[in-house]
Amino acid sequence: MKNKLLIMCILIALISCNPYKGFKGVDPKGMGNKPPSVQIADDIQKDQKKSNRKMKREMRRKRKIYGAPK
């Protein structure tokens, strides 16, 4: 009984103490193809592109509503 309890406590402690938990761009299974800094930079660029597309779409919509020239 005590052995099972001890083993369960050790397993829970090992699972909960994940050094990669909470860090974006870090894969707990290994590094993968890109280092985390490059992956984060790529994510930032994707977000900027997405926001630019959204802004252009919004401007086109407003231009259509207000009838402004292209």
C-alpha atoms as a PDB file:
ATOM      1  CA  MET A   1       0.000   0.000   0.000  1.00  0.00           C
ATOM      2  CA  LYS A   2       2.752   2.438   0.964  1.00  0.00           C
ATOM      3  CA  ASN A   3       4.793   1.496  -2.113  1.00  0.00           C
ATOM      4  CA  LYS A   4       1.882   2.244  -4.438  1.00  0.00           C
ATOM      5  CA  LEU A   5       1.247   5.556  -2.704  1.00  0.00           C
ATOM      6  CA  LEU A   6       4.919   6.511  -2.909  1.00  0.00           C
ATOM      7  CA  ILE A   7       5.108   5.602  -6.596  1.00  0.00           C
ATOM      8  CA  MET A   8       1.930   7.580  -7.331  1.00  0.00           C
ATOM      9  CA  CYS A   9       3.320  10.648  -5.542  1.00  0.00           C
ATOM     10  CA  ILE A  10       6.596  10.431  -7.478  1.00  0.00           C
ATOM     11  CA  LEU A  11       4.749  10.077 -10.796  1.00  0.00           C
ATOM     12  CA  ILE A  12       2.500  13.036 -10.042  1.00  0.00           C
ATOM     13  CA  ALA A  13       5.524  15.148  -9.087  1.00  0.00           C
ATOM     14  CA  LEU A  14       7.329  14.219 -12.308  1.00  0.00           C
ATOM     15  CA  ILE A  15       4.323  14.947 -14.487  1.00  0.00           C
ATOM     16  CA  SER A  16       3.555  18.292 -12.847  1.00  0.00           C
ATOM     17  CA  CYS A  17       7.162  19.535 -12.992  1.00  0.00           C
ATOM     18  CA  ASN A  18       7.379  19.893 -16.754  1.00  0.00           C
ATOM     19  CA  PRO A  19      10.145  22.427 -17.536  1.00  0.00           C
ATOM     20  CA  TYR A  20       8.533  23.298 -20.888  1.00  0.00           C
ATOM     21  CA  LYS A  21       5.090  24.063 -19.491  1.00  0.00           C
ATOM     22  CA  GLY A  22       3.954  27.607 -20.241  1.00  0.00           C
ATOM     23  CA  PHE A  23       6.633  28.490 -22.785  1.00  0.00           C
ATOM     24  CA  LYS A  24       5.485  29.247 -26.294  1.00  0.00           C
ATOM     25  CA  GLY A  25       7.550  27.776 -29.068  1.00  0.00           C
ATOM     26  CA  VAL A  26       9.074  24.982 -27.008  1.00  0.00           C
ATOM     27  CA  ASP A  27       8.001  21.462 -27.841  1.00  0.00           C
ATOM     28  CA  PRO A  28       8.276  19.090 -24.864  1.00  0.00           C
ATOM     29  CA  LYS A  29       9.169  16.244 -27.208  1.00  0.00           C
ATOM     30  CA  GLY A  30      12.222  17.980 -28.616  1.00  0.00           C
ATOM     31  CA  MET A  31      13.376  20.983 -30.553  1.00  0.00           C
ATOM     32  CA  GLY A  32      11.928  20.081 -33.935  1.00  0.00           C
ATOM     33  CA  ASN A  33      13.002  21.878 -37.073  1.00  0.00           C
ATOM     34  CA  LYS A  34      13.316  25.440 -35.755  1.00  0.00           C
ATOM     35  CA  PRO A  35      14.687  26.888 -32.530  1.00  0.00           C
ATOM     36  CA  PRO A  36      12.078  28.533 -30.266  1.00  0.00           C
ATOM     37  CA  SER A  37      13.263  32.080 -30.997  1.00  0.00           C
ATOM     38  CA  VAL A  38      12.784  31.595 -34.749  1.00  0.00           C
ATOM     39  CA  GLN A  39       9.392  29.993 -34.222  1.00  0.00           C
ATOM     40  CA  ILE A  40       8.245  32.927 -32.055  1.00  0.00           C
ATOM     41  CA  ALA A  41       9.510  35.432 -34.650  1.00  0.00           C
ATOM     42  CA  ASP A  42       7.594  33.553 -37.353  1.00  0.00           C
ATOM     43  CA  ASP A  43       4.446  33.649 -35.215  1.00  0.00           C
ATOM     44  CA  ILE A  44       4.830  37.418 -34.786  1.00  0.00           C
ATOM     45  CA  GLN A  45       5.180  37.874 -38.547  1.00  0.00           C
ATOM     46  CA  LYS A  46       2.078  35.741 -39.150  1.00  0.00           C
ATOM     47  CA  ASP A  47       0.099  37.848 -36.666  1.00  0.00           C
ATOM     48  CA  GLN A  48       1.242  41.068 -38.354  1.00  0.00           C
ATOM     49  CA  LYS A  49       0.259  39.779 -41.788  1.00  0.00           C
ATOM     50  CA  LYS A  50      -3.120  38.703 -40.457  1.00  0.00           C
ATOM     51  CA  SER A  51      -3.774  42.102 -38.873  1.00  0.00           C
ATOM     52  CA  ASN A  52      -2.710  43.900 -42.076  1.00  0.00           C
ATOM     53  CA  ARG A  53      -5.124  41.796 -44.128  1.00  0.00           C
ATOM     54  CA  LYS A  54      -7.878  42.513 -41.612  1.00  0.00           C
ATOM     55  CA  MET A  55      -7.200  46.265 -41.752  1.00  0.00           C
ATOM     56  CA  LYS A  56      -7.203  46.282 -45.579  1.00  0.00           C
ATOM     57  CA  ARG A  57     -10.485  44.366 -45.616  1.00  0.00           C
ATOM     58  CA  GLU A  58     -12.005  46.852 -43.190  1.00  0.00           C
ATOM     59  CA  MET A  59     -10.788  49.810 -45.268  1.00  0.00           C
ATOM     60  CA  ARG A  60     -12.254  48.289 -48.443  1.00  0.00           C
ATOM     61  CA  ARG A  61     -15.575  47.781 -46.680  1.00  0.00           C
ATOM     62  CA  LYS A  62     -15.642  51.387 -45.421  1.00  0.00           C
ATOM     63  CA  ARG A  63     -14.663  52.710 -48.843  1.00  0.00           C
ATOM     64  CA  LYS A  64     -17.547  50.748 -50.358  1.00  0.00           C
ATOM     65  CA  ILE A  65     -20.016  52.024 -47.735  1.00  0.00           C
ATOM     66  CA  TYR A  66     -19.019  55.707 -47.986  1.00  0.00           C
ATOM     67  CA  GLY A  67     -18.489  55.656 -51.755  1.00  0.00           C
ATOM     68  CA  ALA A  68     -14.968  57.092 -51.654  1.00  0.00           C
ATOM     69  CA  PRO A  69     -12.869  56.824 -54.814  1.00  0.00           C
ATOM     70  CA  LYS A  70     -10.295  54.063 -55.097  1.00  0.00           C
END
